[in-house]
Amino acid sequence: MQEVVLVRHGETEWSRELRHTGRTDVPLTDEGERQARSLAKALHGRGFALVLSSPLRRAVETARLAGFEPELRDDLMEWDYGDYEGRRTEEIREEVPDWTIWRSGAPSGETPEEVGARAGRVIAEIRAVYGDVLVFAHGHLLRVLAARWLGLDARNGRLFALDAGTLSALGYEREQPVIRSWNTAL
């Protein structure tokens, strides 16, 4: 049965500082590059029928340092945080005390439903492939993708913590979509 390996890009300065990093194209830190090289060791010898990545530099750099040349998909870009780009949750909550991206989305950015629609298109492409698939992308987007893989609403991505530079895997138990592993650090 098909397995879908998800890779959250390596650490960036903004991910380390817990800043919402949507479309700002920040590079990996030295630690992020080390994480990506560790992924190469973990994925060595695996065959993938398709390798996909967000076109944002941090995801593409992670893929290349891990030893892969991915096909780029705009649908794998991180959540568009709009007016909240580059800000930390605690800063946003000074203005909107109960704010979460999962409930409210972002002004001038995307709603959970819009991100869920993008994840759904990626899932449709993956399920049309015969063989395993490797995906390099971003924390919130991958959490939404996992929720949608399971048939859950995009907002349920809030239930899946995902650290930088980690591996996760989606698959099946018989015909039931499942999470095979999650947030594995290397």
N, C-alpha and C. Protein backbone atom coordinates (compact mmCIF):
# COMPACT_ATOMS: atom_id res chain seq x y z
N MET A 1 0.83 -1.19 0.00
CA MET A 1 0.00 0.00 0.00
C MET A 1 0.87 1.26 0.00
N GLN A 2 0.35 2.28 -0.57
CA GLN A 2 1.07 3.54 -0.71
C GLN A 2 1.40 4.17 0.65
N GLU A 3 2.61 4.71 0.73
CA GLU A 3 3.01 5.51 1.88
C GLU A 3 3.39 6.89 1.37
N VAL A 4 2.99 7.91 2.12
CA VAL A 4 3.29 9.29 1.78
C VAL A 4 4.16 9.84 2.90
N VAL A 5 5.41 10.10 2.59
CA VAL A 5 6.35 10.62 3.58
C VAL A 5 6.32 12.14 3.50
N LEU A 6 6.06 12.76 4.63
CA LEU A 6 5.99 14.21 4.74
C LEU A 6 7.24 14.72 5.44
N VAL A 7 7.84 15.76 4.89
CA VAL A 7 9.01 16.38 5.51
C VAL A 7 8.71 17.85 5.73
N ARG A 8 8.74 18.26 6.99
CA ARG A 8 8.69 19.69 7.25
C ARG A 8 10.10 20.23 7.07
N HIS A 9 10.23 21.31 6.34
CA HIS A 9 11.54 21.90 6.06
C HIS A 9 12.34 22.09 7.33
N GLY A 10 13.64 22.20 7.16
CA GLY A 10 14.53 22.45 8.29
C GLY A 10 14.31 23.83 8.91
N GLU A 11 14.95 24.01 10.04
CA GLU A 11 14.80 25.25 10.80
C GLU A 11 15.20 26.48 9.99
N THR A 12 14.42 27.56 10.18
CA THR A 12 14.78 28.88 9.68
C THR A 12 14.86 29.80 10.89
N GLU A 13 15.40 30.99 10.68
CA GLU A 13 15.43 31.94 11.79
C GLU A 13 14.01 32.22 12.29
N TRP A 14 13.08 32.38 11.37
CA TRP A 14 11.70 32.69 11.76
C TRP A 14 11.02 31.51 12.46
N SER A 15 11.28 30.28 12.01
CA SER A 15 10.65 29.14 12.70
C SER A 15 11.22 29.00 14.11
N ARG A 16 12.52 29.27 14.25
CA ARG A 16 13.15 29.22 15.58
C ARG A 16 12.54 30.26 16.51
N GLU A 17 12.19 31.43 15.95
CA GLU A 17 11.62 32.53 16.74
C GLU A 17 10.09 32.45 16.84
N LEU A 18 9.50 31.40 16.31
CA LEU A 18 8.05 31.17 16.34
C LEU A 18 7.27 32.27 15.62
N ARG A 19 7.86 32.81 14.56
CA ARG A 19 7.19 33.82 13.75
C ARG A 19 6.43 33.13 12.63
N HIS A 20 5.21 33.57 12.37
CA HIS A 20 4.41 33.00 11.29
C HIS A 20 5.10 33.30 9.96
N THR A 21 5.54 32.24 9.32
CA THR A 21 6.30 32.37 8.08
C THR A 21 5.49 31.72 6.97
N GLY A 22 4.75 32.53 6.25
CA GLY A 22 3.96 32.01 5.15
C GLY A 22 4.71 32.12 3.85
N ARG A 23 4.58 33.26 3.20
CA ARG A 23 5.13 33.44 1.85
C ARG A 23 6.48 34.14 1.84
N THR A 24 6.96 34.62 2.99
CA THR A 24 8.28 35.22 3.05
C THR A 24 9.30 34.11 2.81
N ASP A 25 10.19 34.33 1.87
CA ASP A 25 11.09 33.26 1.43
C ASP A 25 12.40 33.28 2.20
N VAL A 26 12.36 32.83 3.45
CA VAL A 26 13.54 32.84 4.31
C VAL A 26 14.37 31.57 4.10
N PRO A 27 15.70 31.68 4.24
CA PRO A 27 16.57 30.52 4.06
C PRO A 27 16.65 29.67 5.33
N LEU A 28 17.22 28.50 5.16
CA LEU A 28 17.50 27.63 6.30
C LEU A 28 18.64 28.22 7.13
N THR A 29 18.61 27.94 8.42
CA THR A 29 19.75 28.24 9.28
C THR A 29 20.78 27.12 9.12
N ASP A 30 21.92 27.25 9.76
CA ASP A 30 22.91 26.16 9.77
C ASP A 30 22.28 24.90 10.35
N GLU A 31 21.48 25.06 11.41
CA GLU A 31 20.80 23.91 12.02
C GLU A 31 19.80 23.30 11.03
N GLY A 32 19.09 24.15 10.29
CA GLY A 32 18.16 23.66 9.28
C GLY A 32 18.86 22.86 8.20
N GLU A 33 20.03 23.30 7.80
CA GLU A 33 20.82 22.55 6.81
C GLU A 33 21.27 21.22 7.39
N ARG A 34 21.67 21.21 8.66
CA ARG A 34 22.07 19.95 9.30
C ARG A 34 20.88 19.00 9.35
N GLN A 35 19.69 19.52 9.71
CA GLN A 35 18.50 18.68 9.74
C GLN A 35 18.22 18.07 8.37
N ALA A 36 18.36 18.88 7.32
CA ALA A 36 18.11 18.39 5.96
C ALA A 36 19.08 17.28 5.58
N ARG A 37 20.34 17.44 5.94
CA ARG A 37 21.33 16.38 5.65
C ARG A 37 21.02 15.11 6.43
N SER A 38 20.50 15.25 7.65
CA SER A 38 20.09 14.08 8.43
C SER A 38 18.94 13.35 7.75
N LEU A 39 18.07 14.10 7.10
CA LEU A 39 16.97 13.48 6.36
C LEU A 39 17.50 12.60 5.24
N ALA A 40 18.59 13.04 4.61
CA ALA A 40 19.19 12.25 3.53
C ALA A 40 19.54 10.86 4.03
N LYS A 41 20.10 10.79 5.22
CA LYS A 41 20.47 9.49 5.79
C LYS A 41 19.23 8.65 6.06
N ALA A 42 18.19 9.28 6.60
CA ALA A 42 16.97 8.55 6.94
C ALA A 42 16.21 8.06 5.70
N LEU A 43 16.31 8.80 4.61
CA LEU A 43 15.57 8.45 3.39
C LEU A 43 16.41 7.68 2.38
N HIS A 44 17.69 7.48 2.68
CA HIS A 44 18.60 6.80 1.76
C HIS A 44 18.05 5.42 1.38
N GLY A 45 18.04 5.16 0.10
CA GLY A 45 17.61 3.85 -0.38
C GLY A 45 16.13 3.71 -0.61
N ARG A 46 15.36 4.69 -0.19
CA ARG A 46 13.91 4.64 -0.42
C ARG A 46 13.61 5.02 -1.86
N GLY A 47 12.70 4.31 -2.47
CA GLY A 47 12.27 4.66 -3.82
C GLY A 47 10.94 5.40 -3.76
N PHE A 48 10.83 6.49 -4.48
CA PHE A 48 9.59 7.27 -4.51
C PHE A 48 9.15 7.44 -5.96
N ALA A 49 7.88 7.17 -6.20
CA ALA A 49 7.32 7.34 -7.53
C ALA A 49 7.18 8.82 -7.87
N LEU A 50 7.05 9.66 -6.84
CA LEU A 50 6.87 11.10 -7.04
C LEU A 50 7.46 11.83 -5.84
N VAL A 51 8.20 12.90 -6.10
CA VAL A 51 8.75 13.76 -5.05
C VAL A 51 8.26 15.17 -5.34
N LEU A 52 7.54 15.74 -4.37
CA LEU A 52 6.95 17.07 -4.51
C LEU A 52 7.51 18.02 -3.46
N SER A 53 7.47 19.31 -3.78
CA SER A 53 7.88 20.33 -2.81
C SER A 53 7.13 21.62 -3.06
N SER A 54 6.96 22.35 -1.99
CA SER A 54 6.58 23.75 -2.07
C SER A 54 7.68 24.46 -2.86
N PRO A 55 7.35 25.50 -3.62
CA PRO A 55 8.40 26.24 -4.33
C PRO A 55 9.19 27.19 -3.45
N LEU A 56 8.79 27.36 -2.18
CA LEU A 56 9.52 28.27 -1.30
C LEU A 56 10.90 27.70 -0.97
N ARG A 57 11.88 28.59 -0.91
CA ARG A 57 13.29 28.21 -0.79
C ARG A 57 13.56 27.25 0.36
N ARG A 58 12.96 27.48 1.52
CA ARG A 58 13.27 26.62 2.67
C ARG A 58 12.87 25.17 2.45
N ALA A 59 11.79 24.94 1.70
CA ALA A 59 11.38 23.57 1.38
C ALA A 59 12.26 22.98 0.29
N VAL A 60 12.53 23.75 -0.76
CA VAL A 60 13.36 23.26 -1.87
C VAL A 60 14.78 22.98 -1.38
N GLU A 61 15.34 23.86 -0.56
CA GLU A 61 16.70 23.63 0.00
C GLU A 61 16.72 22.35 0.82
N THR A 62 15.68 22.13 1.62
CA THR A 62 15.62 20.91 2.42
C THR A 62 15.60 19.69 1.52
N ALA A 63 14.78 19.73 0.47
CA ALA A 63 14.71 18.60 -0.46
C ALA A 63 16.06 18.32 -1.10
N ARG A 64 16.71 19.37 -1.59
CA ARG A 64 17.99 19.19 -2.29
C ARG A 64 19.09 18.71 -1.35
N LEU A 65 19.14 19.26 -0.14
CA LEU A 65 20.15 18.80 0.83
C LEU A 65 19.88 17.37 1.28
N ALA A 66 18.63 16.94 1.19
CA ALA A 66 18.26 15.56 1.53
C ALA A 66 18.52 14.62 0.35
N GLY A 67 18.92 15.19 -0.80
CA GLY A 67 19.28 14.36 -1.94
C GLY A 67 18.21 14.17 -2.99
N PHE A 68 17.22 15.06 -3.03
CA PHE A 68 16.11 14.92 -3.97
C PHE A 68 15.94 16.18 -4.81
N GLU A 69 15.50 15.99 -6.03
CA GLU A 69 15.17 17.10 -6.93
C GLU A 69 13.66 17.04 -7.15
N PRO A 70 12.90 17.81 -6.38
CA PRO A 70 11.44 17.67 -6.40
C PRO A 70 10.76 18.42 -7.55
N GLU A 71 9.54 17.97 -7.83
CA GLU A 71 8.63 18.73 -8.67
C GLU A 71 7.95 19.75 -7.76
N LEU A 72 7.82 20.99 -8.22
CA LEU A 72 7.28 22.06 -7.38
C LEU A 72 5.78 22.20 -7.59
N ARG A 73 5.07 22.43 -6.48
CA ARG A 73 3.63 22.63 -6.52
C ARG A 73 3.28 23.84 -5.66
N ASP A 74 2.65 24.84 -6.27
CA ASP A 74 2.21 26.02 -5.51
C ASP A 74 1.23 25.65 -4.41
N ASP A 75 0.44 24.59 -4.62
CA ASP A 75 -0.52 24.16 -3.59
C ASP A 75 0.15 23.72 -2.30
N LEU A 76 1.46 23.47 -2.33
CA LEU A 76 2.19 23.08 -1.12
C LEU A 76 2.81 24.27 -0.37
N MET A 77 2.57 25.48 -0.87
CA MET A 77 3.09 26.66 -0.15
C MET A 77 2.43 26.76 1.22
N GLU A 78 3.14 27.38 2.14
CA GLU A 78 2.60 27.55 3.49
C GLU A 78 1.38 28.45 3.48
N TRP A 79 0.61 28.37 4.54
CA TRP A 79 -0.56 29.21 4.77
C TRP A 79 -0.19 30.65 4.50
N ASP A 80 -1.04 31.35 3.79
CA ASP A 80 -0.82 32.78 3.57
C ASP A 80 -1.32 33.50 4.83
N TYR A 81 -0.39 34.03 5.63
CA TYR A 81 -0.73 34.67 6.90
C TYR A 81 -1.14 36.12 6.75
N GLY A 82 -1.14 36.63 5.52
CA GLY A 82 -1.62 37.99 5.28
C GLY A 82 -1.01 39.01 6.21
N ASP A 83 -1.87 39.76 6.91
CA ASP A 83 -1.42 40.82 7.81
C ASP A 83 -0.61 40.30 9.00
N TYR A 84 -0.67 39.00 9.25
CA TYR A 84 0.04 38.42 10.39
C TYR A 84 1.39 37.82 10.02
N GLU A 85 1.79 37.96 8.76
CA GLU A 85 3.09 37.44 8.30
C GLU A 85 4.21 38.02 9.16
N GLY A 86 5.08 37.13 9.64
CA GLY A 86 6.25 37.55 10.41
C GLY A 86 5.99 37.84 11.87
N ARG A 87 4.73 37.74 12.29
CA ARG A 87 4.40 38.06 13.68
C ARG A 87 4.27 36.78 14.50
N ARG A 88 4.45 36.92 15.81
CA ARG A 88 4.28 35.79 16.74
C ARG A 88 2.84 35.79 17.26
N THR A 89 2.38 34.62 17.63
CA THR A 89 1.01 34.49 18.13
C THR A 89 0.76 35.42 19.31
N GLU A 90 1.71 35.50 20.25
CA GLU A 90 1.48 36.36 21.43
C GLU A 90 1.32 37.82 21.04
N GLU A 91 2.01 38.27 20.00
CA GLU A 91 1.86 39.65 19.53
C GLU A 91 0.46 39.87 18.94
N ILE A 92 0.01 38.92 18.16
CA ILE A 92 -1.32 39.01 17.55
C ILE A 92 -2.40 39.03 18.63
N ARG A 93 -2.20 38.21 19.67
CA ARG A 93 -3.20 38.12 20.74
C ARG A 93 -3.26 39.38 21.60
N GLU A 94 -2.29 40.25 21.50
CA GLU A 94 -2.41 41.55 22.17
C GLU A 94 -3.53 42.36 21.54
N GLU A 95 -3.78 42.14 20.26
CA GLU A 95 -4.86 42.82 19.54
C GLU A 95 -6.14 42.00 19.48
N VAL A 96 -6.00 40.67 19.33
CA VAL A 96 -7.14 39.75 19.21
C VAL A 96 -6.89 38.63 20.22
N PRO A 97 -7.37 38.80 21.47
CA PRO A 97 -6.99 37.91 22.57
C PRO A 97 -7.20 36.41 22.35
N ASP A 98 -8.24 36.01 21.65
CA ASP A 98 -8.49 34.56 21.51
C ASP A 98 -8.12 34.04 20.12
N TRP A 99 -7.27 34.77 19.40
CA TRP A 99 -6.96 34.40 18.02
C TRP A 99 -6.21 33.09 17.92
N THR A 100 -6.60 32.27 16.96
CA THR A 100 -5.80 31.15 16.46
C THR A 100 -5.97 31.11 14.96
N ILE A 101 -4.95 30.69 14.26
CA ILE A 101 -5.03 30.57 12.81
C ILE A 101 -6.10 29.56 12.42
N TRP A 102 -6.30 28.55 13.28
CA TRP A 102 -7.22 27.46 12.97
C TRP A 102 -8.67 27.90 13.01
N ARG A 103 -8.98 28.86 13.83
CA ARG A 103 -10.36 29.34 13.95
C ARG A 103 -10.62 30.53 13.03
N SER A 104 -9.67 31.44 12.99
CA SER A 104 -9.92 32.74 12.35
C SER A 104 -9.23 32.95 11.02
N GLY A 105 -8.25 32.14 10.68
CA GLY A 105 -7.46 32.45 9.49
C GLY A 105 -6.68 33.72 9.73
N ALA A 106 -6.38 34.45 8.66
CA ALA A 106 -5.58 35.66 8.78
C ALA A 106 -6.16 36.75 7.90
N PRO A 107 -6.30 37.98 8.43
CA PRO A 107 -6.77 39.08 7.60
C PRO A 107 -5.85 39.28 6.40
N SER A 108 -6.43 39.44 5.24
CA SER A 108 -5.71 39.58 3.97
C SER A 108 -4.91 38.33 3.62
N GLY A 109 -5.19 37.24 4.30
CA GLY A 109 -4.52 35.97 4.03
C GLY A 109 -5.56 34.90 3.73
N GLU A 110 -5.26 33.67 4.11
CA GLU A 110 -6.13 32.54 3.81
C GLU A 110 -6.95 32.10 5.01
N THR A 111 -8.09 31.49 4.71
CA THR A 111 -8.92 30.83 5.72
C THR A 111 -8.51 29.36 5.80
N PRO A 112 -8.90 28.68 6.88
CA PRO A 112 -8.61 27.24 6.95
C PRO A 112 -9.21 26.49 5.76
N GLU A 113 -10.37 26.89 5.30
CA GLU A 113 -11.02 26.20 4.18
C GLU A 113 -10.22 26.35 2.89
N GLU A 114 -9.63 27.52 2.68
CA GLU A 114 -8.81 27.73 1.48
C GLU A 114 -7.55 26.87 1.51
N VAL A 115 -6.92 26.77 2.67
CA VAL A 115 -5.74 25.91 2.80
C VAL A 115 -6.16 24.46 2.63
N GLY A 116 -7.31 24.09 3.20
CA GLY A 116 -7.83 22.74 3.06
C GLY A 116 -8.10 22.37 1.61
N ALA A 117 -8.58 23.31 0.81
CA ALA A 117 -8.83 23.05 -0.61
C ALA A 117 -7.51 22.77 -1.34
N ARG A 118 -6.47 23.54 -1.01
CA ARG A 118 -5.16 23.29 -1.63
C ARG A 118 -4.64 21.91 -1.25
N ALA A 119 -4.76 21.57 0.05
CA ALA A 119 -4.31 20.25 0.51
C ALA A 119 -5.10 19.14 -0.20
N GLY A 120 -6.38 19.36 -0.40
CA GLY A 120 -7.20 18.37 -1.09
C GLY A 120 -6.74 18.11 -2.52
N ARG A 121 -6.32 19.15 -3.22
CA ARG A 121 -5.80 18.97 -4.58
C ARG A 121 -4.50 18.16 -4.56
N VAL A 122 -3.64 18.41 -3.57
CA VAL A 122 -2.39 17.64 -3.46
C VAL A 122 -2.72 16.18 -3.17
N ILE A 123 -3.64 15.93 -2.28
CA ILE A 123 -4.02 14.57 -1.94
C ILE A 123 -4.57 13.83 -3.17
N ALA A 124 -5.38 14.50 -3.96
CA ALA A 124 -5.92 13.88 -5.18
C ALA A 124 -4.78 13.48 -6.12
N GLU A 125 -3.79 14.35 -6.26
CA GLU A 125 -2.64 14.01 -7.11
C GLU A 125 -1.87 12.82 -6.54
N ILE A 126 -1.63 12.82 -5.23
CA ILE A 126 -0.90 11.73 -4.58
C ILE A 126 -1.63 10.41 -4.76
N ARG A 127 -2.92 10.40 -4.53
CA ARG A 127 -3.68 9.15 -4.61
C ARG A 127 -3.77 8.60 -6.04
N ALA A 128 -3.48 9.42 -7.03
CA ALA A 128 -3.48 8.96 -8.42
C ALA A 128 -2.15 8.30 -8.80
N VAL A 129 -1.17 8.35 -7.91
CA VAL A 129 0.16 7.79 -8.16
C VAL A 129 0.22 6.36 -7.66
N TYR A 130 0.82 5.49 -8.46
CA TYR A 130 1.09 4.14 -8.01
C TYR A 130 2.49 4.13 -7.42
N GLY A 131 2.58 4.01 -6.11
CA GLY A 131 3.87 4.00 -5.44
C GLY A 131 3.93 5.05 -4.35
N ASP A 132 5.02 5.03 -3.63
CA ASP A 132 5.21 5.95 -2.51
C ASP A 132 5.52 7.36 -3.01
N VAL A 133 5.17 8.34 -2.18
CA VAL A 133 5.34 9.75 -2.53
C VAL A 133 6.06 10.45 -1.38
N LEU A 134 6.94 11.37 -1.72
CA LEU A 134 7.69 12.17 -0.75
C LEU A 134 7.31 13.63 -0.94
N VAL A 135 6.96 14.32 0.16
CA VAL A 135 6.49 15.70 0.10
C VAL A 135 7.30 16.57 1.05
N PHE A 136 7.88 17.66 0.52
CA PHE A 136 8.60 18.64 1.32
C PHE A 136 7.75 19.90 1.39
N ALA A 137 7.39 20.32 2.61
CA ALA A 137 6.53 21.50 2.72
C ALA A 137 6.69 22.12 4.11
N HIS A 138 5.61 22.68 4.62
CA HIS A 138 5.63 23.57 5.78
C HIS A 138 4.70 23.07 6.88
N GLY A 139 4.95 23.56 8.10
CA GLY A 139 4.24 23.08 9.28
C GLY A 139 2.74 23.12 9.22
N HIS A 140 2.15 24.30 9.03
CA HIS A 140 0.70 24.38 9.04
C HIS A 140 0.09 23.67 7.83
N LEU A 141 0.68 23.84 6.67
CA LEU A 141 0.15 23.18 5.47
C LEU A 141 0.16 21.67 5.65
N LEU A 142 1.26 21.10 6.15
CA LEU A 142 1.33 19.65 6.34
C LEU A 142 0.35 19.16 7.40
N ARG A 143 0.10 19.96 8.40
CA ARG A 143 -0.89 19.58 9.41
C ARG A 143 -2.29 19.54 8.80
N VAL A 144 -2.59 20.49 7.93
CA VAL A 144 -3.88 20.49 7.23
C VAL A 144 -3.94 19.29 6.29
N LEU A 145 -2.85 19.01 5.58
CA LEU A 145 -2.83 17.87 4.68
C LEU A 145 -3.10 16.58 5.43
N ALA A 146 -2.51 16.41 6.59
CA ALA A 146 -2.75 15.21 7.39
C ALA A 146 -4.22 15.12 7.80
N ALA A 147 -4.79 16.21 8.24
CA ALA A 147 -6.21 16.20 8.63
C ALA A 147 -7.08 15.81 7.45
N ARG A 148 -6.83 16.40 6.29
CA ARG A 148 -7.63 16.10 5.10
C ARG A 148 -7.41 14.67 4.64
N TRP A 149 -6.19 14.13 4.77
CA TRP A 149 -5.89 12.73 4.43
C TRP A 149 -6.80 11.80 5.23
N LEU A 150 -7.03 12.16 6.48
CA LEU A 150 -7.87 11.34 7.37
C LEU A 150 -9.36 11.59 7.17
N GLY A 151 -9.70 12.54 6.30
CA GLY A 151 -11.11 12.86 6.08
C GLY A 151 -11.65 13.87 7.06
N LEU A 152 -10.77 14.54 7.79
CA LEU A 152 -11.16 15.53 8.79
C LEU A 152 -11.19 16.92 8.17
N ASP A 153 -11.90 17.81 8.81
CA ASP A 153 -11.92 19.22 8.42
C ASP A 153 -10.51 19.79 8.56
N ALA A 154 -10.17 20.74 7.70
CA ALA A 154 -8.85 21.37 7.75
C ALA A 154 -8.51 21.93 9.12
N ARG A 155 -9.51 22.44 9.84
CA ARG A 155 -9.27 23.02 11.17
C ARG A 155 -8.71 22.01 12.17
N ASN A 156 -8.92 20.72 11.90
CA ASN A 156 -8.40 19.70 12.80
C ASN A 156 -6.89 19.52 12.68
N GLY A 157 -6.26 20.20 11.74
CA GLY A 157 -4.81 20.21 11.69
C GLY A 157 -4.20 20.74 12.98
N ARG A 158 -5.00 21.49 13.73
CA ARG A 158 -4.52 22.04 15.01
C ARG A 158 -4.12 20.93 15.99
N LEU A 159 -4.56 19.71 15.75
CA LEU A 159 -4.32 18.60 16.65
C LEU A 159 -2.97 17.92 16.44
N PHE A 160 -2.25 18.32 15.38
CA PHE A 160 -1.02 17.63 15.01
C PHE A 160 0.19 18.57 15.10
N ALA A 161 0.88 18.55 16.21
CA ALA A 161 2.10 19.36 16.35
C ALA A 161 3.15 18.85 15.37
N LEU A 162 3.92 19.77 14.78
CA LEU A 162 4.90 19.37 13.79
C LEU A 162 6.11 20.30 13.87
N ASP A 163 7.26 19.73 14.20
CA ASP A 163 8.49 20.50 14.37
C ASP A 163 9.27 20.60 13.07
N ALA A 164 10.14 21.58 12.99
CA ALA A 164 11.00 21.75 11.82
C ALA A 164 11.95 20.57 11.68
N GLY A 165 12.20 20.18 10.43
CA GLY A 165 13.17 19.14 10.14
C GLY A 165 12.75 17.74 10.55
N THR A 166 11.45 17.48 10.55
CA THR A 166 10.96 16.17 10.99
C THR A 166 10.33 15.40 9.84
N LEU A 167 10.21 14.09 10.05
CA LEU A 167 9.55 13.18 9.12
C LEU A 167 8.24 12.70 9.71
N SER A 168 7.25 12.54 8.84
CA SER A 168 5.97 11.93 9.20
C SER A 168 5.57 11.04 8.04
N ALA A 169 4.62 10.15 8.26
CA ALA A 169 4.18 9.28 7.17
C ALA A 169 2.69 9.03 7.27
N LEU A 170 2.05 9.15 6.13
CA LEU A 170 0.64 8.82 5.98
C LEU A 170 0.56 7.54 5.16
N GLY A 171 -0.50 6.81 5.38
CA GLY A 171 -0.67 5.58 4.61
C GLY A 171 -2.06 5.03 4.84
N TYR A 172 -2.12 3.71 4.83
CA TYR A 172 -3.40 3.03 4.97
C TYR A 172 -3.25 1.85 5.92
N GLU A 173 -4.32 1.55 6.61
CA GLU A 173 -4.48 0.27 7.29
C GLU A 173 -5.66 -0.37 6.59
N ARG A 174 -5.37 -1.39 5.82
CA ARG A 174 -6.32 -1.91 4.84
C ARG A 174 -6.71 -0.75 3.93
N GLU A 175 -7.96 -0.40 3.83
CA GLU A 175 -8.35 0.72 2.96
C GLU A 175 -8.52 2.03 3.71
N GLN A 176 -8.33 2.03 5.03
CA GLN A 176 -8.54 3.21 5.86
C GLN A 176 -7.31 4.12 5.87
N PRO A 177 -7.43 5.40 5.44
CA PRO A 177 -6.29 6.32 5.55
C PRO A 177 -5.91 6.52 7.03
N VAL A 178 -4.61 6.44 7.31
CA VAL A 178 -4.12 6.56 8.68
C VAL A 178 -2.82 7.37 8.71
N ILE A 179 -2.43 7.75 9.89
CA ILE A 179 -1.10 8.29 10.13
C ILE A 179 -0.23 7.12 10.55
N ARG A 180 0.84 6.87 9.80
CA ARG A 180 1.75 5.74 10.11
C ARG A 180 2.78 6.17 11.16
N SER A 181 3.27 7.40 11.05
CA SER A 181 4.21 7.95 12.04
C SER A 181 4.08 9.46 11.98
N TRP A 182 4.49 10.13 13.08
CA TRP A 182 4.31 11.58 13.10
C TRP A 182 5.43 12.27 13.84
N ASN A 183 5.94 13.36 13.26
CA ASN A 183 6.85 14.30 13.92
C ASN A 183 8.12 13.63 14.44
N THR A 184 8.70 12.77 13.62
CA THR A 184 9.90 12.05 14.02
C THR A 184 11.14 12.92 13.77
N ALA A 185 11.82 13.25 14.84
CA ALA A 185 13.07 14.03 14.74
C ALA A 185 14.22 13.09 14.44
N LEU A 186 15.22 13.61 13.74
CA LEU A 186 16.38 12.77 13.39
C LEU A 186 17.64 13.26 14.06
